[in-house]
Amino acid sequence: MNDVVMPASPSQSDLRLLTHVLYGLHTLSWFSGGIFSVIAMIINYVKRPDLPDDFYRSHFRWQARSFWFTLLWLVLSWPLWLAFWFPGVAAWFLISLWYLYRFIRGWLAFSERRPMPVPA
């Protein structure tokens, strides 16, 4: 007898809710010092193999790229904090606005059931 039970793939409604939650966590990360984004990225990478189609893959990729590029820019602009206080504040504020823009843009596109562009 074969008693192996295959895990059920997530339903579209579950995956849709999860993607909304991930966008929400990223958007609210301003209030958690980035902890919510780290949690969202862990979930993003754990759930990525279960994604059923390119639509969801494009949004999960958009979230991951937004997170990693933001982290890159924060690290690269760190010396501004060491040399001068105001340029560091200005740089991190602009990077934070870009981050917020990326997640609001992605969340709106997801709500309208539009995939995110994938770089060539």
Protein backbone atom coordinates (compact mmCIF):
# COMPACT_ATOMS: atom_id res chain seq x y z
CA MET A 1 0.00 0.00 0.00
CA ASN A 2 1.13 3.48 -0.79
CA ASP A 3 0.24 5.83 2.06
CA VAL A 4 2.22 8.79 0.76
CA VAL A 5 0.11 11.91 0.78
CA MET A 6 1.15 14.59 -1.66
CA PRO A 7 0.80 18.12 -0.31
CA ALA A 8 -2.01 20.04 -1.89
CA SER A 9 -1.00 23.00 -3.95
CA PRO A 10 -2.22 26.30 -2.54
CA SER A 11 -5.52 27.47 -3.91
CA GLN A 12 -5.65 30.67 -5.93
CA SER A 13 -7.49 32.48 -3.13
CA ASP A 14 -4.86 31.42 -0.57
CA LEU A 15 -2.05 32.52 -2.85
CA ARG A 16 -3.80 35.78 -3.61
CA LEU A 17 -4.21 36.50 0.12
CA LEU A 18 -0.58 35.56 0.78
CA THR A 19 0.63 37.94 -1.93
CA HIS A 20 -1.47 40.77 -0.48
CA VAL A 21 -0.01 40.02 2.96
CA LEU A 22 3.54 40.07 1.56
CA TYR A 23 2.95 43.43 -0.13
CA GLY A 24 1.47 44.70 3.13
CA LEU A 25 4.45 43.53 5.16
CA HIS A 26 6.87 45.20 2.78
CA THR A 27 4.86 48.42 2.78
CA LEU A 28 4.65 48.51 6.58
CA SER A 29 8.34 47.77 7.00
CA TRP A 30 8.92 51.51 7.50
CA PHE A 31 7.35 51.09 10.94
CA SER A 32 9.34 48.00 11.90
CA GLY A 33 12.83 49.05 10.92
CA GLY A 34 12.80 46.56 8.05
CA ILE A 35 11.91 43.48 10.12
CA PHE A 36 8.59 43.01 8.29
CA SER A 37 10.44 42.98 4.97
CA VAL A 38 12.84 40.31 6.17
CA ILE A 39 9.87 38.18 7.27
CA ALA A 40 8.18 38.77 3.91
CA MET A 41 11.35 37.77 2.03
CA ILE A 42 11.66 34.53 3.98
CA ILE A 43 8.06 33.66 3.11
CA ASN A 44 8.68 34.79 -0.48
CA TYR A 45 11.58 32.36 -0.94
CA VAL A 46 9.86 29.50 0.87
CA LYS A 47 6.68 29.77 -1.21
CA ARG A 48 8.34 30.50 -4.57
CA PRO A 49 8.50 26.82 -5.68
CA ASP A 50 4.72 26.50 -5.15
CA LEU A 51 3.77 29.32 -7.51
CA PRO A 52 1.42 28.10 -10.24
CA ASP A 53 2.03 30.61 -13.02
CA ASP A 54 4.05 33.52 -14.39
CA PHE A 55 1.65 36.08 -12.94
CA TYR A 56 2.55 35.18 -9.34
CA ARG A 57 6.19 34.59 -10.21
CA SER A 58 6.41 38.12 -11.64
CA HIS A 59 5.09 39.62 -8.39
CA PHE A 60 7.30 37.52 -6.15
CA ARG A 61 10.29 38.44 -8.31
CA TRP A 62 9.28 42.13 -8.19
CA GLN A 63 9.19 41.99 -4.41
CA ALA A 64 12.54 40.24 -4.15
CA ARG A 65 14.28 42.60 -6.59
CA SER A 66 12.82 45.64 -4.84
CA PHE A 67 14.06 44.37 -1.49
CA TRP A 68 17.57 43.46 -2.68
CA PHE A 69 18.11 46.64 -4.70
CA THR A 70 16.98 48.73 -1.74
CA LEU A 71 19.37 46.90 0.54
CA LEU A 72 22.17 47.44 -1.99
CA TRP A 73 21.49 51.19 -2.18
CA LEU A 74 21.30 51.49 1.60
CA VAL A 75 24.67 49.78 1.97
CA LEU A 76 26.26 51.86 -0.81
CA SER A 77 24.97 55.11 0.69
CA TRP A 78 26.07 54.22 4.23
CA PRO A 79 29.35 56.21 3.94
CA LEU A 80 27.27 59.38 3.59
CA TRP A 81 26.19 58.89 7.19
CA LEU A 82 29.77 58.59 8.31
CA ALA A 83 31.02 61.66 6.47
CA PHE A 84 28.02 63.96 6.67
CA TRP A 85 24.76 63.59 8.51
CA PHE A 86 22.40 65.46 6.18
CA PRO A 87 23.38 63.70 2.91
CA GLY A 88 22.92 60.36 4.64
CA VAL A 89 19.45 61.31 5.83
CA ALA A 90 18.53 62.64 2.38
CA ALA A 91 19.84 59.56 0.59
CA TRP A 92 18.07 57.11 2.87
CA PHE A 93 14.86 59.13 2.68
CA LEU A 94 14.95 59.00 -1.14
CA ILE A 95 15.76 55.29 -1.11
CA SER A 96 12.85 54.72 1.28
CA LEU A 97 10.50 56.63 -1.00
CA TRP A 98 11.66 54.55 -3.97
CA TYR A 99 11.07 51.39 -1.93
CA LEU A 100 7.59 52.51 -0.98
CA TYR A 101 6.85 53.45 -4.60
CA ARG A 102 7.94 50.00 -5.82
CA PHE A 103 5.68 48.18 -3.39
CA ILE A 104 2.67 50.42 -3.91
CA ARG A 105 3.10 50.10 -7.69
CA GLY A 106 3.36 46.31 -7.40
CA TRP A 107 0.43 46.05 -5.01
CA LEU A 108 -1.80 48.13 -7.27
CA ALA A 109 -0.83 46.05 -10.31
CA PHE A 110 -1.50 42.86 -8.35
CA SER A 111 -4.92 44.16 -7.30
CA GLU A 112 -5.69 44.85 -10.96
CA ARG A 113 -4.41 41.37 -11.89
CA ARG A 114 -1.57 42.74 -14.02
CA PRO A 115 1.81 40.99 -14.01
CA MET A 116 4.94 42.94 -13.21
CA PRO A 117 7.54 43.48 -15.93
CA VAL A 118 10.39 41.02 -15.93
CA PRO A 119 13.81 42.39 -16.96
CA ALA A 120 15.21 40.99 -20.18
